[in-house]
């Protein structure tokens, strides 16, 4: 695959994740609250406004690759992560569903935060 095609493939995943988040949170967010960065730009793949960061406390690294080195992807997500955001890898390959990967303790912390917000 040519570099240009690979970047387009990655860009499509970034834009799809952005669109899904905006659709799911349309009651709270405007279209410019989540932006997809250009390919090759340093930092997070999706830039979140302060409001979006409160609703989505994740630092998202998107990978659309047939052979993914998940450890390398997590290292990149961690190095690009903003303070207070959980490093998270969103990944897929051709003809597959899209998945999310993060540290187990971060996931549990998110669940605890959600439970506390519900005030059960």
N, C-alpha and C. Protein backbone atom coordinates (compact mmCIF):
# COMPACT_ATOMS: atom_id res chain seq x y z
N UNK A 1 0.84 -1.18 0.00
CA UNK A 1 0.00 0.00 0.00
C UNK A 1 0.89 1.24 0.00
N UNK A 2 0.53 2.20 -0.83
CA UNK A 2 1.28 3.45 -0.90
C UNK A 2 1.04 4.26 0.37
N UNK A 3 2.01 5.09 0.70
CA UNK A 3 1.92 5.93 1.90
C UNK A 3 0.67 6.79 1.86
N UNK A 4 0.39 7.35 0.71
CA UNK A 4 -0.78 8.23 0.57
C UNK A 4 -2.07 7.46 0.86
N UNK A 5 -2.19 6.26 0.35
CA UNK A 5 -3.39 5.44 0.59
C UNK A 5 -3.51 5.07 2.06
N UNK A 6 -2.39 4.75 2.68
CA UNK A 6 -2.40 4.39 4.11
C UNK A 6 -2.85 5.57 4.95
N UNK A 7 -2.40 6.77 4.61
CA UNK A 7 -2.80 7.97 5.35
C UNK A 7 -4.30 8.24 5.16
N UNK A 8 -4.79 8.03 3.95
CA UNK A 8 -6.23 8.21 3.70
C UNK A 8 -7.05 7.22 4.52
N UNK A 9 -6.56 6.01 4.61
CA UNK A 9 -7.24 4.97 5.39
C UNK A 9 -7.29 5.37 6.86
N UNK A 10 -6.18 5.85 7.39
CA UNK A 10 -6.14 6.31 8.77
C UNK A 10 -7.02 7.52 9.00
N UNK A 11 -7.02 8.45 8.05
CA UNK A 11 -7.83 9.65 8.15
C UNK A 11 -9.32 9.29 8.19
N UNK A 12 -9.73 8.30 7.38
CA UNK A 12 -11.13 7.87 7.39
C UNK A 12 -11.55 7.35 8.76
N UNK A 13 -10.67 6.60 9.41
CA UNK A 13 -11.00 6.10 10.75
C UNK A 13 -11.12 7.26 11.73
N UNK A 14 -10.17 8.19 11.71
CA UNK A 14 -10.24 9.36 12.59
C UNK A 14 -11.56 10.10 12.40
N UNK A 15 -11.92 10.34 11.16
CA UNK A 15 -13.14 11.09 10.88
C UNK A 15 -14.38 10.29 11.29
N UNK A 16 -14.35 8.98 11.13
CA UNK A 16 -15.46 8.15 11.54
C UNK A 16 -15.64 8.18 13.06
N UNK A 17 -14.54 8.08 13.79
CA UNK A 17 -14.60 8.14 15.26
C UNK A 17 -15.14 9.50 15.69
N UNK A 18 -14.63 10.57 15.07
CA UNK A 18 -15.11 11.92 15.38
C UNK A 18 -16.62 12.01 15.14
N UNK A 19 -17.07 11.54 13.99
CA UNK A 19 -18.49 11.63 13.64
C UNK A 19 -19.36 10.82 14.60
N UNK A 20 -18.91 9.63 14.98
CA UNK A 20 -19.67 8.81 15.92
C UNK A 20 -19.77 9.46 17.29
N UNK A 21 -18.67 10.05 17.76
CA UNK A 21 -18.69 10.74 19.06
C UNK A 21 -19.63 11.95 19.01
N UNK A 22 -19.53 12.74 17.94
CA UNK A 22 -20.39 13.91 17.83
C UNK A 22 -21.86 13.53 17.74
N UNK A 23 -22.15 12.45 17.03
CA UNK A 23 -23.53 11.98 16.92
C UNK A 23 -24.05 11.49 18.28
N UNK A 24 -23.23 10.72 18.97
CA UNK A 24 -23.65 10.18 20.27
C UNK A 24 -23.84 11.27 21.31
N UNK A 25 -23.06 12.33 21.20
CA UNK A 25 -23.10 13.42 22.19
C UNK A 25 -23.67 14.71 21.60
N UNK A 26 -24.50 14.58 20.57
CA UNK A 26 -25.02 15.76 19.86
C UNK A 26 -25.84 16.68 20.76
N UNK A 27 -26.39 16.14 21.82
CA UNK A 27 -27.16 16.96 22.76
C UNK A 27 -26.25 17.94 23.52
N UNK A 28 -24.96 17.62 23.61
CA UNK A 28 -24.03 18.41 24.42
C UNK A 28 -22.97 19.15 23.61
N UNK A 29 -22.63 18.61 22.44
CA UNK A 29 -21.48 19.14 21.69
C UNK A 29 -21.87 19.76 20.36
N UNK A 30 -21.05 20.71 19.94
CA UNK A 30 -21.17 21.32 18.61
C UNK A 30 -20.18 20.60 17.69
N UNK A 31 -20.32 20.81 16.40
CA UNK A 31 -19.49 20.11 15.43
C UNK A 31 -18.00 20.39 15.61
N UNK A 32 -17.64 21.61 16.02
CA UNK A 32 -16.21 21.94 16.16
C UNK A 32 -15.64 21.57 17.54
N UNK A 33 -16.41 20.90 18.39
CA UNK A 33 -15.89 20.47 19.69
C UNK A 33 -14.94 19.28 19.58
N UNK A 34 -15.02 18.54 18.47
CA UNK A 34 -14.08 17.44 18.23
C UNK A 34 -13.59 17.59 16.79
N UNK A 35 -12.28 17.71 16.65
CA UNK A 35 -11.69 17.88 15.31
C UNK A 35 -10.66 16.81 15.04
N UNK A 36 -10.64 16.33 13.83
CA UNK A 36 -9.65 15.36 13.38
C UNK A 36 -8.40 16.11 12.94
N UNK A 37 -7.24 15.69 13.41
CA UNK A 37 -6.00 16.36 13.04
C UNK A 37 -5.53 15.87 11.68
N UNK A 38 -4.63 16.61 11.07
CA UNK A 38 -4.07 16.18 9.79
C UNK A 38 -3.11 15.02 10.03
N UNK A 39 -2.99 14.17 9.04
CA UNK A 39 -2.12 13.00 9.17
C UNK A 39 -0.67 13.46 9.30
N UNK A 40 0.04 12.86 10.23
CA UNK A 40 1.43 13.20 10.45
C UNK A 40 1.63 14.33 11.45
N UNK A 41 0.53 14.96 11.88
CA UNK A 41 0.63 16.02 12.88
C UNK A 41 0.98 15.40 14.23
N UNK A 42 1.83 16.06 15.00
CA UNK A 42 2.17 15.51 16.31
C UNK A 42 0.99 15.63 17.28
N UNK A 43 0.96 14.76 18.27
CA UNK A 43 -0.07 14.82 19.30
C UNK A 43 -1.24 13.91 19.03
N UNK A 44 -2.33 14.20 19.71
CA UNK A 44 -3.53 13.37 19.64
C UNK A 44 -4.13 13.39 18.23
N UNK A 45 -4.80 12.31 17.87
CA UNK A 45 -5.45 12.23 16.55
C UNK A 45 -6.74 13.03 16.50
N UNK A 46 -7.41 13.15 17.65
CA UNK A 46 -8.63 13.95 17.73
C UNK A 46 -8.43 15.03 18.78
N UNK A 47 -8.67 16.27 18.38
CA UNK A 47 -8.55 17.40 19.29
C UNK A 47 -9.92 17.69 19.89
N UNK A 48 -9.99 17.72 21.22
CA UNK A 48 -11.25 17.92 21.92
C UNK A 48 -11.27 19.27 22.60
N UNK A 49 -12.41 19.94 22.52
CA UNK A 49 -12.61 21.20 23.24
C UNK A 49 -12.66 20.88 24.73
N UNK A 50 -12.56 21.90 25.59
CA UNK A 50 -12.67 21.64 27.03
C UNK A 50 -13.96 20.91 27.42
N UNK A 51 -15.08 21.28 26.80
CA UNK A 51 -16.34 20.59 27.10
C UNK A 51 -16.29 19.14 26.63
N UNK A 52 -15.80 18.92 25.42
CA UNK A 52 -15.69 17.55 24.90
C UNK A 52 -14.76 16.71 25.78
N UNK A 53 -13.69 17.32 26.29
CA UNK A 53 -12.74 16.59 27.15
C UNK A 53 -13.42 16.15 28.43
N UNK A 54 -14.34 16.97 28.97
CA UNK A 54 -15.08 16.57 30.17
C UNK A 54 -15.97 15.36 29.89
N UNK A 55 -16.58 15.34 28.71
CA UNK A 55 -17.48 14.25 28.36
C UNK A 55 -16.73 13.01 27.87
N UNK A 56 -15.59 13.23 27.23
CA UNK A 56 -14.79 12.14 26.66
C UNK A 56 -13.36 12.29 27.21
N UNK A 57 -13.10 11.79 28.41
CA UNK A 57 -11.78 12.00 29.02
C UNK A 57 -10.71 11.05 28.48
N UNK A 58 -10.66 10.95 27.14
CA UNK A 58 -9.76 10.02 26.49
C UNK A 58 -8.80 10.76 25.56
N UNK A 59 -7.60 10.25 25.47
CA UNK A 59 -6.64 10.71 24.48
C UNK A 59 -6.61 9.63 23.41
N UNK A 60 -7.16 9.92 22.25
CA UNK A 60 -7.42 8.89 21.24
C UNK A 60 -6.33 8.82 20.18
N UNK A 61 -5.83 7.62 20.00
CA UNK A 61 -4.87 7.29 18.93
C UNK A 61 -5.59 6.31 18.02
N UNK A 62 -5.81 6.69 16.76
CA UNK A 62 -6.56 5.86 15.81
C UNK A 62 -5.62 5.14 14.86
N UNK A 63 -5.82 3.84 14.73
CA UNK A 63 -4.99 3.00 13.86
C UNK A 63 -5.87 2.14 12.97
N UNK A 64 -5.73 2.30 11.67
CA UNK A 64 -6.46 1.50 10.70
C UNK A 64 -5.42 0.71 9.91
N UNK A 65 -5.00 -0.42 10.47
CA UNK A 65 -3.89 -1.20 9.91
C UNK A 65 -4.23 -2.68 9.94
N UNK A 66 -3.72 -3.39 8.95
CA UNK A 66 -3.91 -4.84 8.91
C UNK A 66 -3.08 -5.54 9.99
N UNK A 67 -1.86 -5.11 10.17
CA UNK A 67 -0.97 -5.72 11.18
C UNK A 67 -0.58 -4.62 12.16
N UNK A 68 -1.23 -4.62 13.30
CA UNK A 68 -1.03 -3.57 14.29
C UNK A 68 -0.14 -4.05 15.42
N UNK A 69 0.87 -3.28 15.76
CA UNK A 69 1.65 -3.53 16.96
C UNK A 69 0.97 -2.75 18.08
N UNK A 70 0.14 -3.42 18.85
CA UNK A 70 -0.68 -2.76 19.86
C UNK A 70 0.18 -2.08 20.92
N UNK A 71 1.33 -2.66 21.22
CA UNK A 71 2.22 -2.08 22.24
C UNK A 71 2.78 -0.76 21.77
N UNK A 72 3.17 -0.70 20.52
CA UNK A 72 3.67 0.54 19.93
C UNK A 72 2.56 1.59 19.88
N UNK A 73 1.37 1.17 19.54
CA UNK A 73 0.23 2.09 19.47
C UNK A 73 -0.07 2.66 20.86
N UNK A 74 -0.01 1.81 21.90
CA UNK A 74 -0.25 2.30 23.25
C UNK A 74 0.86 3.25 23.70
N UNK A 75 2.08 2.94 23.35
CA UNK A 75 3.19 3.83 23.69
C UNK A 75 2.97 5.21 23.06
N UNK A 76 2.54 5.22 21.80
CA UNK A 76 2.26 6.48 21.12
C UNK A 76 1.11 7.22 21.79
N UNK A 77 0.05 6.51 22.13
CA UNK A 77 -1.10 7.13 22.81
C UNK A 77 -0.68 7.73 24.14
N UNK A 78 0.16 7.02 24.88
CA UNK A 78 0.62 7.52 26.18
C UNK A 78 1.50 8.75 26.03
N UNK A 79 2.37 8.75 25.03
CA UNK A 79 3.27 9.90 24.85
C UNK A 79 2.50 11.13 24.36
N UNK A 80 1.38 10.93 23.67
CA UNK A 80 0.59 12.05 23.15
C UNK A 80 -0.52 12.49 24.10
N UNK A 81 -0.72 11.75 25.17
CA UNK A 81 -1.86 11.98 26.06
C UNK A 81 -1.74 13.31 26.80
N UNK A 82 -2.86 13.99 26.90
CA UNK A 82 -2.96 15.22 27.67
C UNK A 82 -3.16 14.87 29.15
N UNK A 83 -2.76 15.75 30.06
CA UNK A 83 -2.99 15.49 31.49
C UNK A 83 -4.48 15.31 31.77
N UNK A 84 -4.81 14.29 32.55
CA UNK A 84 -6.20 14.02 32.91
C UNK A 84 -6.97 13.21 31.88
N UNK A 85 -6.32 12.85 30.78
CA UNK A 85 -6.98 12.04 29.75
C UNK A 85 -6.40 10.63 29.76
N UNK A 86 -7.23 9.66 29.51
CA UNK A 86 -6.80 8.27 29.50
C UNK A 86 -6.30 7.90 28.10
N UNK A 87 -5.04 7.46 27.97
CA UNK A 87 -4.53 7.04 26.67
C UNK A 87 -5.34 5.85 26.15
N UNK A 88 -5.86 5.98 24.93
CA UNK A 88 -6.76 4.98 24.37
C UNK A 88 -6.45 4.77 22.89
N UNK A 89 -6.42 3.52 22.48
CA UNK A 89 -6.17 3.19 21.07
C UNK A 89 -7.49 2.71 20.46
N UNK A 90 -7.88 3.35 19.35
CA UNK A 90 -9.02 2.92 18.56
C UNK A 90 -8.42 2.26 17.33
N UNK A 91 -8.82 1.02 17.05
CA UNK A 91 -8.18 0.33 15.93
C UNK A 91 -9.15 -0.56 15.16
N UNK A 92 -8.81 -0.76 13.92
CA UNK A 92 -9.56 -1.66 13.04
C UNK A 92 -8.67 -2.08 11.90
N UNK A 93 -9.16 -3.04 11.14
CA UNK A 93 -8.50 -3.43 9.89
C UNK A 93 -9.59 -3.61 8.86
N UNK A 94 -9.22 -3.88 7.64
CA UNK A 94 -10.21 -4.02 6.57
C UNK A 94 -11.27 -5.05 6.93
N UNK A 95 -12.50 -4.68 6.69
CA UNK A 95 -13.65 -5.58 6.85
C UNK A 95 -13.83 -6.07 8.29
N UNK A 96 -13.40 -5.29 9.26
CA UNK A 96 -13.58 -5.68 10.66
C UNK A 96 -14.34 -4.58 11.41
N UNK A 97 -14.80 -4.94 12.59
CA UNK A 97 -15.37 -3.95 13.48
C UNK A 97 -14.24 -3.06 14.01
N UNK A 98 -14.62 -1.99 14.66
CA UNK A 98 -13.65 -1.08 15.28
C UNK A 98 -13.63 -1.38 16.78
N UNK A 99 -12.42 -1.39 17.35
CA UNK A 99 -12.23 -1.74 18.75
C UNK A 99 -11.51 -0.62 19.49
N UNK A 100 -11.61 -0.68 20.82
CA UNK A 100 -10.94 0.28 21.69
C UNK A 100 -10.09 -0.50 22.68
N UNK A 101 -8.88 -0.01 22.94
CA UNK A 101 -7.97 -0.65 23.89
C UNK A 101 -7.41 0.41 24.83
N UNK A 102 -7.45 0.08 26.12
CA UNK A 102 -6.88 0.97 27.14
C UNK A 102 -6.45 0.13 28.33
N UNK A 103 -5.70 0.75 29.24
CA UNK A 103 -5.27 0.05 30.44
C UNK A 103 -6.50 -0.37 31.26
N UNK A 104 -6.45 -1.57 31.82
CA UNK A 104 -7.56 -2.08 32.62
C UNK A 104 -7.86 -1.16 33.80
N UNK A 105 -6.84 -0.68 34.50
CA UNK A 105 -7.08 0.18 35.66
C UNK A 105 -7.70 1.52 35.25
N UNK A 106 -7.36 2.03 34.07
CA UNK A 106 -8.00 3.25 33.56
C UNK A 106 -9.48 2.98 33.29
N UNK A 107 -9.76 1.83 32.69
CA UNK A 107 -11.14 1.47 32.39
C UNK A 107 -11.96 1.37 33.69
N UNK A 108 -11.40 0.72 34.70
CA UNK A 108 -12.10 0.58 35.98
C UNK A 108 -12.31 1.95 36.61
N UNK A 109 -11.31 2.81 36.52
CA UNK A 109 -11.44 4.17 37.07
C UNK A 109 -12.59 4.92 36.38
N UNK A 110 -12.70 4.76 35.07
CA UNK A 110 -13.81 5.38 34.34
C UNK A 110 -15.16 4.85 34.83
N UNK A 111 -15.23 3.55 35.09
CA UNK A 111 -16.48 2.96 35.59
C UNK A 111 -16.82 3.50 36.98
N UNK A 112 -15.83 3.64 37.83
CA UNK A 112 -16.05 4.18 39.18
C UNK A 112 -16.53 5.63 39.09
N UNK A 113 -15.89 6.43 38.23
CA UNK A 113 -16.31 7.82 38.05
C UNK A 113 -17.76 7.89 37.59
N UNK A 114 -18.12 7.03 36.67
CA UNK A 114 -19.50 7.01 36.16
C UNK A 114 -20.48 6.61 37.27
N UNK A 115 -20.11 5.64 38.07
CA UNK A 115 -20.98 5.20 39.17
C UNK A 115 -21.17 6.34 40.18
N UNK A 116 -20.11 7.08 40.45
CA UNK A 116 -20.19 8.19 41.39
C UNK A 116 -21.09 9.30 40.84
N UNK A 117 -21.07 9.52 39.54
CA UNK A 117 -21.93 10.53 38.93
C UNK A 117 -23.40 10.14 39.02
N UNK A 118 -23.69 8.84 38.98
CA UNK A 118 -25.06 8.37 39.06
C UNK A 118 -25.65 8.48 40.46
N UNK A 119 -24.77 8.59 41.46
CA UNK A 119 -25.19 8.72 42.87
C UNK A 119 -26.19 7.64 43.25
N UNK A 120 -25.82 6.42 43.02
CA UNK A 120 -26.70 5.27 43.34
C UNK A 120 -26.70 5.01 44.83
